[in-house]
Each structure stands twice: as C-alpha cells, then as structure tokens.
Amino acid sequence: MTKEEFLNAMAMLSASVGREVPKPQATVWYQLVSDLTAEQFQAGILETLRTNTFAGLPTIGLIRQNAIGRQPAEQDRSLLAWDRVLEAIREHGGYQTVKFDDLAIHAAIRSCGGWVALCEQETEQMITWTKKAFCDAYRAHIASGLLTAAAAARLPGIIAADRANAGYDQPQAIDVTTHLTAIKIRVADNPAPTKKIVDKPEYYKVGQRVAEPLFESSISGEPAKTTMTIEEQQAKIQAAKQALRQKYGG
C-alpha cells in the first residue's frame, strides 16, 4: 500500500468518526499497516466501523486485525510466504543459492525477476509493487496445484552464476524452512529431450527398394522413411561431392 492510498483511507476514517488523525500518529500507523494492500486496509476500516462501538478513533491494531481476519486462507498464506522471503533476504542475501521447502515460493520469486533481482530491490519498490506481484503469483501457483520443474528449481545466487561462467561446480543450496503447513502441489516432469539424428548403417542388396529407417527425425523422434534405392542414394552423394570439387577446385 502506498502512502497516498493510506492517506485516502485515513481520510475516509476521519470523515466517518469526525476526528482527524494527528500527523505523527498517522506516520506510525502507516509503518504498522504498509504491508497490507489498499483494499485490505479499507476493508479493515469498514469492518471496524460496522461492528464496533467506540468513542473517537479506533486503534490501528483493531483495524489491522479486521483487515487480516477478512482475508481468505490462500491470501493469508501468500503474506506469510512473503514474510519468509524477506527473512531469507535479510539472512542470506543475493550471493547465496537458496531452496525453500515451499516450492511455490520459487515459482513466485521467478515471476518477480528471480532471487538476485529481488534481493537487489529497494525497500519502497518491494512494498509498493513487488509484494503484490509475489502474492498474486504465489496464489496462482497454489491454485493451479502444478509447477514446472524449471519454476520449482532452487534459486541460484550470484556465486552460483559466477561459478557457472567459470566452469566450476555449483555451490550447495541453503535450505530455508518456512514453517508453513505442507500443501499438495505437483512438479511436472521435465519434457523428454529431443532425439538427435542417429545414423543407422544398414546393408541392402543392389537394386533393393529401401523401406527401413535410415535415421531418426530430430524433430519428431519418429523413423524417417525413404523409397530411394541404394544406387540412387550413392549417385546423389557422388553428385554433391563433384559439385563441391568444381566449386572449390578440389
């Protein structure tokens, strides 16, 4: 939530209770609720006004409790996951390769540009934009129940990239425990690698029509067929060689 969004919500609160919030108090309040979205904060204010009787301004703790209490379970979890990410950034930083026990966090971080890029962001950018992008991506991955192997892979740091460029082995990843309840999410297998063309020498009688595969297709992996005779194939090869000799004077 930006400061402008916070001030707009506070103006709504002040108009509703007939009291202005002093500037020093508003500054402290923003620090206490800046991790919420504007929608959450406004919902918390409305719920507080709707269900509580009080003289003057409500406490910011009550507003926050009502804001968080109205969130669906998956949104609660995304905020907790975000808190774990911030803790890991403070503890390990972008130089280390990390591996969270919640693989949906890996996919969400990759949606935000990757581990190193996230660690290098300014605090204001994290609060204003990245947090929402992370939580949205995290909830989407949780809802799908499926991650690709690439998205679920560990998050390489700067040291890993430097070692890879130098041809060294990758450093061991640091395991990060989130203490979140385990969820059911499946990691899709890596797609089978494309088959390369493989020569298969076969022997045929002179004049026999070739009906067996001579090689495997590098695109489909299926056997490629030909109906040329051995003589015709040899003639084409000789013609190609002759063209090269004439071209390069060999």
Protein backbone atom coordinates (compact mmCIF):
# COMPACT_ATOMS: atom_id res chain seq x y z
CA MET A 1 0.00 0.00 0.00
CA THR A 2 1.38 3.38 -0.99
CA LYS A 3 1.31 6.44 1.27
CA GLU A 4 -1.27 8.07 -0.99
CA GLU A 5 -3.57 5.06 -0.72
CA PHE A 6 -3.09 5.05 3.04
CA LEU A 7 -3.94 8.75 3.34
CA ASN A 8 -7.06 8.31 1.22
CA ALA A 9 -8.26 5.52 3.52
CA MET A 10 -7.44 7.60 6.60
CA ALA A 11 -9.48 10.49 5.19
CA MET A 12 -12.44 8.10 4.93
CA LEU A 13 -11.92 7.03 8.54
CA SER A 14 -11.63 10.61 9.81
CA ALA A 15 -14.78 11.65 7.99
CA SER A 16 -16.65 8.68 9.46
CA VAL A 17 -15.73 9.30 13.12
CA GLY A 18 -15.45 13.07 12.98
CA ARG A 19 -11.85 13.24 14.16
CA GLU A 20 -8.57 13.98 12.42
CA VAL A 21 -5.57 11.72 12.86
CA PRO A 22 -2.51 13.69 14.01
CA LYS A 23 0.38 13.57 11.53
CA PRO A 24 2.87 11.83 13.91
CA GLN A 25 0.26 9.20 14.70
CA ALA A 26 -0.53 8.70 11.02
CA THR A 27 3.19 8.18 10.31
CA VAL A 28 3.39 5.41 12.88
CA TRP A 29 0.14 3.85 11.67
CA TYR A 30 1.43 3.66 8.11
CA GLN A 31 4.51 1.77 9.26
CA LEU A 32 2.25 -0.72 11.04
CA VAL A 33 -0.04 -1.41 8.07
CA SER A 34 2.10 -0.66 4.99
CA ASP A 35 2.40 -4.40 4.29
CA LEU A 36 -1.36 -4.57 3.66
CA THR A 37 -2.89 -3.76 0.31
CA ALA A 38 -5.11 -0.69 0.00
CA GLU A 39 -8.12 -2.98 -0.45
CA GLN A 40 -7.31 -4.87 2.75
CA PHE A 41 -6.82 -1.67 4.76
CA GLN A 42 -10.08 -0.15 3.53
CA ALA A 43 -11.92 -3.39 4.25
CA GLY A 44 -10.47 -3.39 7.77
CA ILE A 45 -11.67 0.17 8.37
CA LEU A 46 -15.17 -0.60 7.11
CA GLU A 47 -15.39 -3.75 9.22
CA THR A 48 -14.23 -1.83 12.28
CA LEU A 49 -16.82 0.92 11.70
CA ARG A 50 -19.52 -1.66 11.07
CA THR A 51 -19.02 -3.94 14.07
CA ASN A 52 -17.56 -1.82 16.88
CA THR A 53 -18.85 0.98 19.10
CA PHE A 54 -16.18 3.34 20.37
CA ALA A 55 -15.62 6.97 21.14
CA GLY A 56 -13.23 8.62 18.72
CA LEU A 57 -10.67 6.83 16.61
CA PRO A 58 -10.36 3.05 16.75
CA THR A 59 -6.96 1.54 17.44
CA ILE A 60 -4.79 0.64 14.47
CA GLY A 61 -4.40 -2.86 15.93
CA LEU A 62 -8.16 -3.41 15.70
CA ILE A 63 -8.26 -2.16 12.12
CA ARG A 64 -5.36 -4.44 11.18
CA GLN A 65 -6.97 -7.42 12.88
CA ASN A 66 -10.20 -6.86 10.96
CA ALA A 67 -8.26 -6.40 7.72
CA ILE A 68 -6.32 -9.64 8.09
CA GLY A 69 -9.28 -11.54 9.53
CA ARG A 70 -11.27 -10.90 6.37
CA GLN A 71 -8.66 -12.44 4.09
CA PRO A 72 -9.22 -15.86 2.50
CA ALA A 73 -6.88 -18.63 3.58
CA GLU A 74 -4.76 -18.57 0.42
CA GLN A 75 -4.19 -14.83 0.78
CA ASP A 76 -3.15 -15.32 4.40
CA ARG A 77 -0.63 -17.90 3.23
CA SER A 78 0.79 -15.70 0.50
CA LEU A 79 1.52 -12.95 3.02
CA LEU A 80 3.18 -15.42 5.36
CA ALA A 81 5.25 -16.73 2.44
CA TRP A 82 6.28 -13.16 1.61
CA ASP A 83 7.41 -12.63 5.21
CA ARG A 84 9.58 -15.77 4.96
CA VAL A 85 11.12 -14.45 1.74
CA LEU A 86 12.03 -11.14 3.41
CA GLU A 87 13.60 -13.03 6.31
CA ALA A 88 15.66 -15.12 3.88
CA ILE A 89 16.83 -11.99 2.05
CA ARG A 90 17.99 -10.43 5.31
CA GLU A 91 19.68 -13.61 6.48
CA HIS A 92 21.31 -14.93 3.29
CA GLY A 93 21.25 -12.19 0.63
CA GLY A 94 21.61 -12.48 -3.11
CA TYR A 95 25.04 -14.12 -3.12
CA GLN A 96 23.75 -17.41 -1.75
CA THR A 97 21.71 -20.07 -3.55
CA VAL A 98 18.57 -20.86 -1.56
CA LYS A 99 15.97 -23.61 -1.56
CA PHE A 100 12.66 -23.05 0.22
CA ASP A 101 10.65 -26.00 1.49
CA ASP A 102 7.61 -24.42 -0.21
CA LEU A 103 8.35 -24.70 -3.93
CA ALA A 104 5.56 -22.30 -4.86
CA ILE A 105 7.78 -19.59 -3.39
CA HIS A 106 10.43 -20.43 -6.01
CA ALA A 107 7.92 -20.00 -8.83
CA ALA A 108 6.57 -16.74 -7.39
CA ILE A 109 10.07 -15.29 -6.98
CA ARG A 110 10.90 -16.19 -10.58
CA SER A 111 7.73 -14.33 -11.62
CA CYS A 112 9.25 -11.26 -9.92
CA GLY A 113 12.55 -11.48 -11.78
CA GLY A 114 14.46 -14.07 -9.78
CA TRP A 115 16.25 -14.30 -6.46
CA VAL A 116 19.18 -11.96 -7.18
CA ALA A 117 16.95 -9.27 -8.71
CA LEU A 118 14.61 -9.47 -5.73
CA CYS A 119 17.45 -9.12 -3.24
CA GLU A 120 18.71 -6.00 -5.03
CA GLN A 121 15.40 -4.14 -5.00
CA GLU A 122 14.83 -1.00 -2.96
CA THR A 123 12.51 -1.28 0.05
CA GLU A 124 9.97 1.15 -1.40
CA GLN A 125 9.72 -0.88 -4.61
CA MET A 126 9.20 -4.07 -2.61
CA ILE A 127 6.38 -2.55 -0.57
CA THR A 128 4.68 -0.80 -3.46
CA TRP A 129 4.92 -3.29 -6.32
CA THR A 130 6.85 -6.48 -5.71
CA LYS A 131 4.91 -7.69 -2.69
CA LYS A 132 1.61 -7.64 -4.57
CA ALA A 133 3.16 -9.27 -7.64
CA PHE A 134 4.66 -12.02 -5.48
CA CYS A 135 1.43 -12.70 -3.57
CA ASP A 136 -0.63 -12.78 -6.78
CA ALA A 137 1.81 -15.19 -8.44
CA TYR A 138 2.06 -17.34 -5.31
CA ARG A 139 -1.73 -17.71 -5.02
CA ALA A 140 -1.98 -18.53 -8.72
CA HIS A 141 0.62 -21.31 -8.43
CA ILE A 142 -1.05 -22.71 -5.30
CA ALA A 143 -4.44 -22.70 -7.03
CA SER A 144 -3.08 -24.49 -10.09
CA GLY A 145 -1.55 -27.25 -7.97
CA LEU A 146 1.18 -27.73 -10.59
CA LEU A 147 4.67 -26.35 -11.14
CA THR A 148 7.12 -26.93 -13.94
CA ALA A 149 10.46 -28.39 -12.93
CA ALA A 150 12.19 -25.18 -14.02
CA ALA A 151 9.90 -23.00 -11.90
CA ALA A 152 10.31 -25.24 -8.85
CA ALA A 153 14.11 -25.46 -9.07
CA ARG A 154 16.33 -23.92 -6.41
CA LEU A 155 17.06 -20.20 -6.65
CA PRO A 156 20.68 -19.56 -7.73
CA GLY A 157 22.59 -16.65 -6.27
CA ILE A 158 25.43 -14.51 -7.57
CA ILE A 159 28.10 -17.01 -6.51
CA ALA A 160 26.38 -19.79 -8.46
CA ALA A 161 26.27 -17.65 -11.61
CA ASP A 162 29.96 -16.75 -11.30
CA ARG A 163 30.96 -20.39 -10.79
CA ALA A 164 28.86 -21.47 -13.75
CA ASN A 165 30.53 -18.90 -16.00
CA ALA A 166 33.94 -20.11 -14.82
CA GLY A 167 33.03 -23.75 -15.41
CA TYR A 168 33.07 -24.75 -11.73
CA ASP A 169 30.58 -26.94 -9.88
CA GLN A 170 27.53 -25.29 -8.40
CA PRO A 171 27.56 -24.45 -4.67
CA GLN A 172 25.21 -26.26 -2.34
CA ALA A 173 21.89 -24.53 -1.79
CA ILE A 174 20.90 -23.24 1.65
CA ASP A 175 17.69 -24.87 2.85
CA VAL A 176 15.12 -22.32 4.04
CA THR A 177 12.37 -23.60 6.32
CA THR A 178 9.13 -21.62 6.16
CA HIS A 179 7.18 -23.47 8.89
CA LEU A 180 4.11 -23.23 6.67
CA THR A 181 1.62 -26.06 6.51
CA ALA A 182 2.54 -28.51 3.77
CA ILE A 183 0.42 -28.21 0.63
CA LYS A 184 -0.29 -30.56 -2.23
CA ILE A 185 1.45 -29.30 -5.33
CA ARG A 186 2.86 -31.41 -8.12
CA VAL A 187 6.06 -30.75 -10.03
CA ALA A 188 5.76 -31.69 -13.69
CA ASP A 189 8.44 -33.93 -15.11
CA ASN A 190 10.96 -32.40 -17.46
CA PRO A 191 9.98 -32.92 -21.09
CA ALA A 192 11.87 -35.70 -22.85
CA PRO A 193 14.90 -34.35 -24.70
CA THR A 194 14.63 -34.07 -28.45
CA LYS A 195 16.24 -37.01 -30.18
CA LYS A 196 19.26 -36.24 -32.28
CA ILE A 197 19.79 -37.64 -35.72
CA VAL A 198 21.38 -41.05 -35.30
CA ASP A 199 22.96 -42.77 -38.26
CA LYS A 200 21.97 -46.40 -38.58
CA PRO A 201 24.14 -48.21 -41.14
CA GLU A 202 22.06 -50.78 -42.91
CA TYR A 203 23.07 -53.21 -45.70
CA TYR A 204 20.86 -53.88 -48.68
CA LYS A 205 21.18 -55.85 -51.88
CA VAL A 206 21.87 -53.82 -55.02
CA GLY A 207 18.59 -52.60 -56.53
CA GLN A 208 16.55 -53.28 -53.38
CA ARG A 209 13.99 -50.59 -52.52
CA VAL A 210 14.80 -49.14 -49.13
CA ALA A 211 11.82 -49.36 -46.78
CA GLU A 212 13.68 -49.40 -43.44
CA PRO A 213 14.51 -46.25 -41.45
CA LEU A 214 17.90 -44.74 -42.21
CA PHE A 215 17.84 -42.27 -39.32
CA GLU A 216 15.57 -40.85 -36.65
CA SER A 217 13.99 -37.44 -37.10
CA SER A 218 15.45 -34.79 -34.77
CA ILE A 219 12.05 -33.09 -34.67
CA SER A 220 9.52 -35.83 -34.05
CA GLY A 221 11.77 -38.67 -32.97
CA GLU A 222 9.94 -40.93 -35.43
CA PRO A 223 11.78 -43.03 -38.02
CA ALA A 224 12.27 -41.24 -41.33
CA LYS A 225 11.44 -43.28 -44.42
CA THR A 226 12.77 -43.24 -47.98
CA THR A 227 11.94 -45.18 -51.12
CA MET A 228 15.22 -44.47 -52.92
CA THR A 229 17.42 -47.33 -53.98
CA ILE A 230 20.96 -47.63 -52.67
CA GLU A 231 22.28 -46.80 -56.14
CA GLU A 232 20.20 -43.62 -56.28
CA GLN A 233 21.42 -42.53 -52.88
CA GLN A 234 25.07 -43.16 -53.84
CA ALA A 235 24.59 -41.24 -57.08
CA LYS A 236 23.25 -38.22 -55.21
CA ILE A 237 26.21 -38.32 -52.83
CA GLN A 238 28.71 -38.53 -55.70
CA ALA A 239 26.99 -35.64 -57.49
CA ALA A 240 27.21 -33.49 -54.36
CA LYS A 241 30.92 -34.30 -53.99
CA GLN A 242 31.57 -33.46 -57.62
CA ALA A 243 29.80 -30.10 -57.23
CA LEU A 244 31.99 -29.26 -54.25
CA ARG A 245 35.20 -30.18 -56.17
CA GLN A 246 34.19 -27.94 -59.08
CA LYS A 247 33.33 -25.09 -56.74
CA TYR A 248 36.49 -25.18 -54.66
CA GLY A 249 38.83 -26.67 -57.27
CA GLY A 250 39.47 -29.84 -55.30
